[in-house]
Amino acid sequence: MTSTILDLKNAPGHQVLAAAGKKILRPGGRAATEQLFEWANFQPGETVLELASSFGYSAIALAQQYGVRVVGVEKNPSSVARARENVAIAGLTNQIEIIEGDILQLQQISGSFDYVLAEAILTMQPAIAKAKILSGIASRLKPGGTFLAHELLASNQQEKIHRDLAQAIRVNATPLSDTEWISTIEASGLKVIRYSTGAMSLLQIPHLIQDEGIITTIQILWNVLTHPQIRQRVLAMRRTFQRYSQDLGYIIFSAQRNS
């Protein structure tokens, strides 16, 4: 629990959920991410640039499971420090580098990568920033390299969803439809190879258990029940997700840089 150092009334939704103890914060949960990685078919020694790497959990999982080398970009200095500590504890300093940087300035990162990974990142950006980040992603991929993404999907009622999400999660989230996502990605010079969509599952109890395990789910629920500010924010997010359950979901996609 990190609620004592957060302004829980105004903090972005992902920070509130992290304060409650949630580690997997993607709209499609663990299963969608695993599908994305199955598509990627990572090979040992390949390189991955992860955007907004937070505390380093996914970078560590990638390095451990697939033997890839990961560079994580994170803007928050305290998150960078914690991620580096987690990497050191995992004994993976020779495979993972966490750098402090801005995902809007990817051209400042040296080198090129086999993959760029972004989960629940582009949704949180306005159209201009989406385009700038995607341009930076294309510039950091090797020819034939692959962009892997996991984002929010809005099939209908985009304006209402945009408005209510912004209120609930305190971030100006702008999810797109599947066709809008594809056209936005391909405008940057990438070619979408495959994609899949599904229902939003972030705060559903069965999916909490699937993503976090029973013990961690119990801890999360306890934190929500016993901390009024966290409870208020989490329930507001859950009500918003339920209100648009027919139209709000997730999309994962794999796109390649043109050679």
C-alpha atoms as a PDB file:
ATOM      1  CA  MET A   1       0.000   0.000   0.000  1.00  0.00           C
ATOM      2  CA  THR A   2       1.315   3.435  -0.966  1.00  0.00           C
ATOM      3  CA  SER A   3      -1.816   5.468  -0.277  1.00  0.00           C
ATOM      4  CA  THR A   4      -0.015   7.680   2.254  1.00  0.00           C
ATOM      5  CA  ILE A   5       2.089   9.301  -0.469  1.00  0.00           C
ATOM      6  CA  LEU A   6      -0.664   9.661  -3.068  1.00  0.00           C
ATOM      7  CA  ASP A   7      -3.352  12.249  -3.528  1.00  0.00           C
ATOM      8  CA  LEU A   8      -5.900   9.494  -3.951  1.00  0.00           C
ATOM      9  CA  LYS A   9      -8.712  11.877  -4.828  1.00  0.00           C
ATOM     10  CA  ASN A  10      -6.912  13.118  -7.931  1.00  0.00           C
ATOM     11  CA  ALA A  11      -4.280  10.484  -8.763  1.00  0.00           C
ATOM     12  CA  PRO A  12      -4.570   8.665 -12.105  1.00  0.00           C
ATOM     13  CA  GLY A  13      -6.588   5.478 -11.894  1.00  0.00           C
ATOM     14  CA  HIS A  14      -3.632   3.153 -12.516  1.00  0.00           C
ATOM     15  CA  GLN A  15      -1.805   4.671  -9.526  1.00  0.00           C
ATOM     16  CA  VAL A  16      -4.856   4.145  -7.311  1.00  0.00           C
ATOM     17  CA  LEU A  17      -5.109   0.518  -8.399  1.00  0.00           C
ATOM     18  CA  ALA A  18      -1.379   0.051  -7.799  1.00  0.00           C
ATOM     19  CA  ALA A  19      -1.821   1.549  -4.329  1.00  0.00           C
ATOM     20  CA  ALA A  20      -4.476  -1.082  -3.686  1.00  0.00           C
ATOM     21  CA  GLY A  21      -1.940  -3.746  -4.654  1.00  0.00           C
ATOM     22  CA  LYS A  22      -2.838  -4.495  -8.269  1.00  0.00           C
ATOM     23  CA  LYS A  23       0.118  -5.314 -10.518  1.00  0.00           C
ATOM     24  CA  ILE A  24      -1.578  -6.192 -13.814  1.00  0.00           C
ATOM     25  CA  LEU A  25      -3.246  -3.003 -15.032  1.00  0.00           C
ATOM     26  CA  ARG A  26      -4.008  -3.777 -18.669  1.00  0.00           C
ATOM     27  CA  PRO A  27      -7.647  -3.770 -19.844  1.00  0.00           C
ATOM     28  CA  GLY A  28      -7.531  -7.325 -21.200  1.00  0.00           C
ATOM     29  CA  GLY A  29      -5.576  -8.686 -18.257  1.00  0.00           C
ATOM     30  CA  ARG A  30      -2.913 -11.367 -18.261  1.00  0.00           C
ATOM     31  CA  ALA A  31      -4.593 -13.504 -20.930  1.00  0.00           C
ATOM     32  CA  ALA A  32      -4.548 -10.734 -23.546  1.00  0.00           C
ATOM     33  CA  THR A  33      -0.900  -9.968 -22.855  1.00  0.00           C
ATOM     34  CA  GLU A  34       0.005 -13.648 -23.120  1.00  0.00           C
ATOM     35  CA  GLN A  35      -1.738 -13.807 -26.502  1.00  0.00           C
ATOM     36  CA  LEU A  36       0.274 -10.812 -27.625  1.00  0.00           C
ATOM     37  CA  PHE A  37       3.508 -12.511 -26.577  1.00  0.00           C
ATOM     38  CA  GLU A  38       2.498 -15.739 -28.302  1.00  0.00           C
ATOM     39  CA  TRP A  39       2.147 -13.791 -31.528  1.00  0.00           C
ATOM     40  CA  ALA A  40       5.569 -12.233 -30.985  1.00  0.00           C
ATOM     41  CA  ASN A  41       7.347 -15.584 -30.603  1.00  0.00           C
ATOM     42  CA  PHE A  42      10.292 -13.969 -28.810  1.00  0.00           C
ATOM     43  CA  GLN A  43      13.684 -15.584 -29.227  1.00  0.00           C
ATOM     44  CA  PRO A  44      16.526 -15.476 -26.665  1.00  0.00           C
ATOM     45  CA  GLY A  45      18.817 -12.501 -27.184  1.00  0.00           C
ATOM     46  CA  GLU A  46      16.268 -10.399 -29.068  1.00  0.00           C
ATOM     47  CA  THR A  47      15.757  -6.836 -27.873  1.00  0.00           C
ATOM     48  CA  VAL A  48      12.598  -5.236 -26.517  1.00  0.00           C
ATOM     49  CA  LEU A  49      11.937  -1.562 -25.823  1.00  0.00           C
ATOM     50  CA  GLU A  50       9.144  -1.305 -23.233  1.00  0.00           C
ATOM     51  CA  LEU A  51       7.332   2.009 -22.887  1.00  0.00           C
ATOM     52  CA  ALA A  52       6.265   3.244 -19.439  1.00  0.00           C
ATOM     53  CA  SER A  53       7.887   0.318 -17.648  1.00  0.00           C
ATOM     54  CA  SER A  54       6.691   1.466 -14.205  1.00  0.00           C
ATOM     55  CA  PHE A  55       8.183  -0.770 -11.482  1.00  0.00           C
ATOM     56  CA  GLY A  56       9.777  -3.194 -13.940  1.00  0.00           C
ATOM     57  CA  TYR A  57       7.493  -6.171 -13.345  1.00  0.00           C
ATOM     58  CA  SER A  58       6.736  -6.906 -17.002  1.00  0.00           C
ATOM     59  CA  ALA A  59      10.359  -6.311 -18.055  1.00  0.00           C
ATOM     60  CA  ILE A  60      11.456  -8.855 -15.472  1.00  0.00           C
ATOM     61  CA  ALA A  61       8.821 -11.355 -16.614  1.00  0.00           C
ATOM     62  CA  LEU A  62       9.887 -10.945 -20.256  1.00  0.00           C
ATOM     63  CA  ALA A  63      13.558 -11.468 -19.463  1.00  0.00           C
ATOM     64  CA  GLN A  64      12.901 -14.481 -17.259  1.00  0.00           C
ATOM     65  CA  GLN A  65      10.403 -16.221 -19.533  1.00  0.00           C
ATOM     66  CA  TYR A  66      11.892 -15.531 -22.966  1.00  0.00           C
ATOM     67  CA  GLY A  67      15.549 -14.652 -22.421  1.00  0.00           C
ATOM     68  CA  VAL A  68      15.202 -11.335 -24.237  1.00  0.00           C
ATOM     69  CA  ARG A  69      17.097  -8.154 -23.439  1.00  0.00           C
ATOM     70  CA  VAL A  70      14.817  -5.317 -22.302  1.00  0.00           C
ATOM     71  CA  VAL A  71      15.238  -1.559 -22.170  1.00  0.00           C
ATOM     72  CA  GLY A  72      12.441  -0.001 -20.132  1.00  0.00           C
ATOM     73  CA  VAL A  73      11.562   3.690 -20.450  1.00  0.00           C
ATOM     74  CA  GLU A  74       9.912   5.333 -17.446  1.00  0.00           C
ATOM     75  CA  LYS A  75       9.321   9.024 -16.763  1.00  0.00           C
ATOM     76  CA  ASN A  76       8.704   8.939 -13.002  1.00  0.00           C
ATOM     77  CA  PRO A  77      12.051   9.059 -11.130  1.00  0.00           C
ATOM     78  CA  SER A  78      10.751   7.176  -8.094  1.00  0.00           C
ATOM     79  CA  SER A  79       9.362   4.429 -10.344  1.00  0.00           C
ATOM     80  CA  VAL A  80      12.724   4.231 -12.141  1.00  0.00           C
ATOM     81  CA  ALA A  81      14.502   3.767  -8.809  1.00  0.00           C
ATOM     82  CA  ARG A  82      12.070   1.088  -7.689  1.00  0.00           C
ATOM     83  CA  ALA A  83      12.258  -0.719 -11.053  1.00  0.00           C
ATOM     84  CA  ARG A  84      16.048  -0.783 -10.930  1.00  0.00           C
ATOM     85  CA  GLU A  85      15.887  -2.197  -7.403  1.00  0.00           C
ATOM     86  CA  ASN A  86      13.436  -4.897  -8.533  1.00  0.00           C
ATOM     87  CA  VAL A  87      15.667  -5.779 -11.490  1.00  0.00           C
ATOM     88  CA  ALA A  88      18.692  -6.076  -9.187  1.00  0.00           C
ATOM     89  CA  ILE A  89      16.768  -8.282  -6.746  1.00  0.00           C
ATOM     90  CA  ALA A  90      15.781 -10.527  -9.664  1.00  0.00           C
ATOM     91  CA  GLY A  91      19.438 -10.782 -10.692  1.00  0.00           C
ATOM     92  CA  LEU A  92      18.751  -9.443 -14.186  1.00  0.00           C
ATOM     93  CA  THR A  93      20.916  -6.327 -14.417  1.00  0.00           C
ATOM     94  CA  ASN A  94      22.761  -7.917 -17.340  1.00  0.00           C
ATOM     95  CA  GLN A  95      19.488  -8.305 -19.283  1.00  0.00           C
ATOM     96  CA  ILE A  96      17.384  -5.302 -18.286  1.00  0.00           C
ATOM     97  CA  GLU A  97      18.159  -1.597 -18.347  1.00  0.00           C
ATOM     98  CA  ILE A  98      15.657   0.905 -16.952  1.00  0.00           C
ATOM     99  CA  ILE A  99      16.175   4.440 -18.182  1.00  0.00           C
ATOM    100  CA  GLU A 100      14.487   7.653 -17.152  1.00  0.00           C
ATOM    101  CA  GLY A 101      12.898   9.134 -20.246  1.00  0.00           C
ATOM    102  CA  ASP A 102       9.814  10.509 -21.931  1.00  0.00           C
ATOM    103  CA  ILE A 103       7.836   8.328 -24.344  1.00  0.00           C
ATOM    104  CA  LEU A 104       7.177  11.496 -26.356  1.00  0.00           C
ATOM    105  CA  GLN A 105      10.927  11.758 -26.977  1.00  0.00           C
ATOM    106  CA  LEU A 106      11.801   8.263 -28.159  1.00  0.00           C
ATOM    107  CA  GLN A 107      14.187   9.660 -30.760  1.00  0.00           C
ATOM    108  CA  GLN A 108      16.551  10.415 -27.870  1.00  0.00           C
ATOM    109  CA  ILE A 109      16.964   6.710 -27.123  1.00  0.00           C
ATOM    110  CA  SER A 110      19.960   5.187 -28.866  1.00  0.00           C
ATOM    111  CA  GLY A 111      19.873   1.951 -30.790  1.00  0.00           C
ATOM    112  CA  SER A 112      17.138   0.007 -32.539  1.00  0.00           C
ATOM    113  CA  PHE A 113      15.043  -2.900 -31.315  1.00  0.00           C
ATOM    114  CA  ASP A 114      13.412  -6.091 -32.524  1.00  0.00           C
ATOM    115  CA  TYR A 115      10.251  -5.183 -30.612  1.00  0.00           C
ATOM    116  CA  VAL A 116       8.606  -2.184 -29.002  1.00  0.00           C
ATOM    117  CA  LEU A 117       5.996  -2.973 -26.356  1.00  0.00           C
ATOM    118  CA  ALA A 118       3.310  -0.539 -25.177  1.00  0.00           C
ATOM    119  CA  GLU A 119       0.426  -1.595 -22.938  1.00  0.00           C
ATOM    120  CA  ALA A 120      -2.357   0.860 -21.993  1.00  0.00           C
ATOM    121  CA  ILE A 121      -0.122   3.748 -23.073  1.00  0.00           C
ATOM    122  CA  LEU A 122      -1.538   5.181 -26.304  1.00  0.00           C
ATOM    123  CA  THR A 123      -5.104   5.275 -24.984  1.00  0.00           C
ATOM    124  CA  MET A 124      -4.063   7.866 -22.434  1.00  0.00           C
ATOM    125  CA  GLN A 125      -2.778  10.273 -25.072  1.00  0.00           C
ATOM    126  CA  PRO A 126      -4.596  12.811 -27.283  1.00  0.00           C
ATOM    127  CA  ALA A 127      -4.454  12.341 -31.048  1.00  0.00           C
ATOM    128  CA  ILE A 128      -1.357  14.508 -31.590  1.00  0.00           C
ATOM    129  CA  ALA A 129       0.593  12.679 -28.883  1.00  0.00           C
ATOM    130  CA  LYS A 130      -0.537   9.283 -30.199  1.00  0.00           C
ATOM    131  CA  ALA A 131       0.887  10.189 -33.604  1.00  0.00           C
ATOM    132  CA  LYS A 132       4.162  11.452 -32.107  1.00  0.00           C
ATOM    133  CA  ILE A 133       4.669   8.348 -29.975  1.00  0.00           C
ATOM    134  CA  LEU A 134       3.904   6.043 -32.909  1.00  0.00           C
ATOM    135  CA  SER A 135       6.383   7.938 -35.083  1.00  0.00           C
ATOM    136  CA  GLY A 136       8.998   7.478 -32.361  1.00  0.00           C
ATOM    137  CA  ILE A 137       8.168   3.776 -32.113  1.00  0.00           C
ATOM    138  CA  ALA A 138       8.641   3.323 -35.865  1.00  0.00           C
ATOM    139  CA  SER A 139      12.013   5.085 -35.646  1.00  0.00           C
ATOM    140  CA  ARG A 140      13.253   2.758 -32.896  1.00  0.00           C
ATOM    141  CA  LEU A 141      12.262  -0.491 -34.590  1.00  0.00           C
ATOM    142  CA  LYS A 142      14.701  -2.396 -36.751  1.00  0.00           C
ATOM    143  CA  PRO A 143      13.537  -2.936 -40.357  1.00  0.00           C
ATOM    144  CA  GLY A 144      10.927  -5.668 -40.099  1.00  0.00           C
ATOM    145  CA  GLY A 145      10.697  -5.123 -36.334  1.00  0.00           C
ATOM    146  CA  THR A 146       7.413  -5.547 -34.485  1.00  0.00           C
ATOM    147  CA  PHE A 147       5.291  -3.183 -32.420  1.00  0.00           C
ATOM    148  CA  LEU A 148       3.156  -4.939 -29.782  1.00  0.00           C
ATOM    149  CA  ALA A 149       0.315  -3.040 -28.132  1.00  0.00           C
ATOM    150  CA  HIS A 150      -2.563  -3.627 -25.710  1.00  0.00           C
ATOM    151  CA  GLU A 151      -5.076  -0.780 -25.489  1.00  0.00           C
ATOM    152  CA  LEU A 152      -8.630   0.223 -24.602  1.00  0.00           C
ATOM    153  CA  LEU A 153     -11.262  -0.236 -27.298  1.00  0.00           C
ATOM    154  CA  ALA A 154     -14.444   1.830 -27.647  1.00  0.00           C
ATOM    155  CA  SER A 155     -16.820   0.256 -30.141  1.00  0.00           C
ATOM    156  CA  ASN A 156     -19.544   2.911 -29.781  1.00  0.00           C
ATOM    157  CA  GLN A 157     -20.412   5.981 -27.684  1.00  0.00           C
ATOM    158  CA  GLN A 158     -16.832   7.220 -27.828  1.00  0.00           C
ATOM    159  CA  GLU A 159     -17.626  10.751 -26.688  1.00  0.00           C
ATOM    160  CA  LYS A 160     -19.590   9.557 -23.643  1.00  0.00           C
ATOM    161  CA  ILE A 161     -16.928   6.976 -22.793  1.00  0.00           C
ATOM    162  CA  HIS A 162     -14.197   9.593 -23.160  1.00  0.00           C
ATOM    163  CA  ARG A 163     -16.040  11.969 -20.832  1.00  0.00           C
ATOM    164  CA  ASP A 164     -16.903   9.430 -18.145  1.00  0.00           C
ATOM    165  CA  LEU A 165     -13.512   7.709 -18.230  1.00  0.00           C
ATOM    166  CA  ALA A 166     -11.754  11.045 -17.774  1.00  0.00           C
ATOM    167  CA  GLN A 167     -13.882  11.661 -14.690  1.00  0.00           C
ATOM    168  CA  ALA A 168     -13.368   8.187 -13.247  1.00  0.00           C
ATOM    169  CA  ILE A 169      -9.668   7.637 -13.876  1.00  0.00           C
ATOM    170  CA  ARG A 170      -8.525  11.308 -13.833  1.00  0.00           C
ATOM    171  CA  VAL A 171      -6.759  10.835 -17.178  1.00  0.00           C
ATOM    172  CA  ASN A 172      -7.885  12.190 -20.533  1.00  0.00           C
ATOM    173  CA  ALA A 173      -8.281   8.683 -21.956  1.00  0.00           C
ATOM    174  CA  THR A 174      -9.341   8.475 -25.602  1.00  0.00           C
ATOM    175  CA  PRO A 175      -9.968   4.859 -26.627  1.00  0.00           C
ATOM    176  CA  LEU A 176     -10.639   4.245 -30.312  1.00  0.00           C
ATOM    177  CA  SER A 177     -12.579   1.713 -32.347  1.00  0.00           C
ATOM    178  CA  ASP A 178     -10.706  -1.132 -34.026  1.00  0.00           C
ATOM    179  CA  THR A 179     -10.731   0.580 -37.424  1.00  0.00           C
ATOM    180  CA  GLU A 180      -9.580   3.864 -35.873  1.00  0.00           C
ATOM    181  CA  TRP A 181      -6.727   2.125 -34.053  1.00  0.00           C
ATOM    182  CA  ILE A 182      -5.564   0.425 -37.231  1.00  0.00           C
ATOM    183  CA  SER A 183      -5.654   3.617 -39.299  1.00  0.00           C
ATOM    184  CA  THR A 184      -3.850   5.548 -36.543  1.00  0.00           C
ATOM    185  CA  ILE A 185      -1.084   2.954 -36.326  1.00  0.00           C
ATOM    186  CA  GLU A 186      -0.668   2.576 -40.066  1.00  0.00           C
ATOM    187  CA  ALA A 187      -0.444   6.362 -40.531  1.00  0.00           C
ATOM    188  CA  SER A 188       2.930   6.137 -38.743  1.00  0.00           C
ATOM    189  CA  GLY A 189       4.407   3.789 -41.330  1.00  0.00           C
ATOM    190  CA  LEU A 190       3.640   0.545 -39.491  1.00  0.00           C
ATOM    191  CA  LYS A 191       1.540  -2.274 -40.925  1.00  0.00           C
ATOM    192  CA  VAL A 192      -0.927  -4.065 -38.644  1.00  0.00           C
ATOM    193  CA  ILE A 193      -0.375  -7.799 -39.120  1.00  0.00           C
ATOM    194  CA  ARG A 194      -2.987  -9.126 -36.714  1.00  0.00           C
ATOM    195  CA  TYR A 195      -5.270  -7.945 -33.960  1.00  0.00           C
ATOM    196  CA  SER A 196      -7.854  -9.267 -31.533  1.00  0.00           C
ATOM    197  CA  THR A 197     -10.513  -7.677 -29.327  1.00  0.00           C
ATOM    198  CA  GLY A 198     -12.367  -8.678 -26.181  1.00  0.00           C
ATOM    199  CA  ALA A 199     -14.366  -7.505 -23.189  1.00  0.00           C
ATOM    200  CA  MET A 200     -12.983  -5.225 -20.493  1.00  0.00           C
ATOM    201  CA  SER A 201     -12.008  -7.379 -17.489  1.00  0.00           C
ATOM    202  CA  LEU A 202      -9.834  -5.172 -15.325  1.00  0.00           C
ATOM    203  CA  LEU A 203     -12.010  -5.065 -12.173  1.00  0.00           C
ATOM    204  CA  GLN A 204     -14.059  -8.238 -12.449  1.00  0.00           C
ATOM    205  CA  ILE A 205     -13.461 -10.589  -9.522  1.00  0.00           C
ATOM    206  CA  PRO A 206     -12.877 -13.781 -11.594  1.00  0.00           C
ATOM    207  CA  HIS A 207     -10.337 -11.920 -13.707  1.00  0.00           C
ATOM    208  CA  LEU A 208      -8.697 -10.409 -10.610  1.00  0.00           C
ATOM    209  CA  ILE A 209      -8.098 -13.939  -9.361  1.00  0.00           C
ATOM    210  CA  GLN A 210      -6.853 -15.056 -12.783  1.00  0.00           C
ATOM    211  CA  ASP A 211      -4.456 -12.111 -13.073  1.00  0.00           C
ATOM    212  CA  GLU A 212      -3.273 -11.669  -9.494  1.00  0.00           C
ATOM    213  CA  GLY A 213      -3.907 -14.991  -7.743  1.00  0.00           C
ATOM    214  CA  ILE A 214      -6.189 -15.625  -4.789  1.00  0.00           C
ATOM    215  CA  ILE A 215      -3.908 -14.272  -2.050  1.00  0.00           C
ATOM    216  CA  THR A 216      -3.146 -11.012  -3.831  1.00  0.00           C
ATOM    217  CA  THR A 217      -6.819 -10.605  -4.784  1.00  0.00           C
ATOM    218  CA  ILE A 218      -7.786 -10.928  -1.108  1.00  0.00           C
ATOM    219  CA  GLN A 219      -5.173  -8.306  -0.221  1.00  0.00           C
ATOM    220  CA  ILE A 220      -6.498  -5.967  -2.927  1.00  0.00           C
ATOM    221  CA  LEU A 221     -10.087  -6.384  -1.742  1.00  0.00           C
ATOM    222  CA  TRP A 222      -9.018  -5.773   1.856  1.00  0.00           C
ATOM    223  CA  ASN A 223      -7.223  -2.573   0.875  1.00  0.00           C
ATOM    224  CA  VAL A 224     -10.277  -1.400  -1.065  1.00  0.00           C
ATOM    225  CA  LEU A 225     -12.638  -2.175   1.805  1.00  0.00           C
ATOM    226  CA  THR A 226     -10.514  -0.610   4.540  1.00  0.00           C
ATOM    227  CA  HIS A 227      -9.330   2.580   2.813  1.00  0.00           C
ATOM    228  CA  PRO A 228     -12.293   4.856   2.036  1.00  0.00           C
ATOM    229  CA  GLN A 229     -10.541   6.986  -0.593  1.00  0.00           C
ATOM    230  CA  ILE A 230      -9.293   3.963  -2.494  1.00  0.00           C
ATOM    231  CA  ARG A 231     -12.730   2.367  -2.215  1.00  0.00           C
ATOM    232  CA  GLN A 232     -14.435   5.478  -3.599  1.00  0.00           C
ATOM    233  CA  ARG A 233     -12.105   5.692  -6.595  1.00  0.00           C
ATOM    234  CA  VAL A 234     -12.110   1.973  -7.406  1.00  0.00           C
ATOM    235  CA  LEU A 235     -15.901   1.713  -7.223  1.00  0.00           C
ATOM    236  CA  ALA A 236     -16.254   4.777  -9.456  1.00  0.00           C
ATOM    237  CA  MET A 237     -13.984   3.142 -12.040  1.00  0.00           C
ATOM    238  CA  ARG A 238     -15.845  -0.141 -11.794  1.00  0.00           C
ATOM    239  CA  ARG A 239     -19.232   1.577 -12.262  1.00  0.00           C
ATOM    240  CA  THR A 240     -17.930   3.311 -15.385  1.00  0.00           C
ATOM    241  CA  PHE A 241     -16.597   0.060 -16.826  1.00  0.00           C
ATOM    242  CA  GLN A 242     -19.933  -1.655 -16.113  1.00  0.00           C
ATOM    243  CA  ARG A 243     -21.975   1.211 -17.581  1.00  0.00           C
ATOM    244  CA  TYR A 244     -20.251   0.754 -20.926  1.00  0.00           C
ATOM    245  CA  SER A 245     -19.695  -2.987 -20.740  1.00  0.00           C
ATOM    246  CA  GLN A 246     -21.223  -3.493 -24.203  1.00  0.00           C
ATOM    247  CA  ASP A 247     -19.011  -0.890 -25.850  1.00  0.00           C
ATOM    248  CA  LEU A 248     -15.788  -0.759 -23.817  1.00  0.00           C
ATOM    249  CA  GLY A 249     -13.200  -3.479 -24.207  1.00  0.00           C
ATOM    250  CA  TYR A 250      -9.598  -4.110 -25.154  1.00  0.00           C
ATOM    251  CA  ILE A 251      -7.635  -4.525 -28.344  1.00  0.00           C
ATOM    252  CA  ILE A 252      -4.257  -6.129 -28.867  1.00  0.00           C
ATOM    253  CA  PHE A 253      -2.325  -5.803 -32.073  1.00  0.00           C
ATOM    254  CA  SER A 254       0.941  -6.670 -33.716  1.00  0.00           C
ATOM    255  CA  ALA A 255       2.332  -4.299 -36.353  1.00  0.00           C
ATOM    256  CA  GLN A 256       5.550  -4.381 -38.342  1.00  0.00           C
ATOM    257  CA  ARG A 257       7.818  -1.645 -39.559  1.00  0.00           C
ATOM    258  CA  ASN A 258       8.139  -1.576 -43.305  1.00  0.00           C
ATOM    259  CA  SER A 259      11.606  -2.642 -44.421  1.00  0.00           C
END
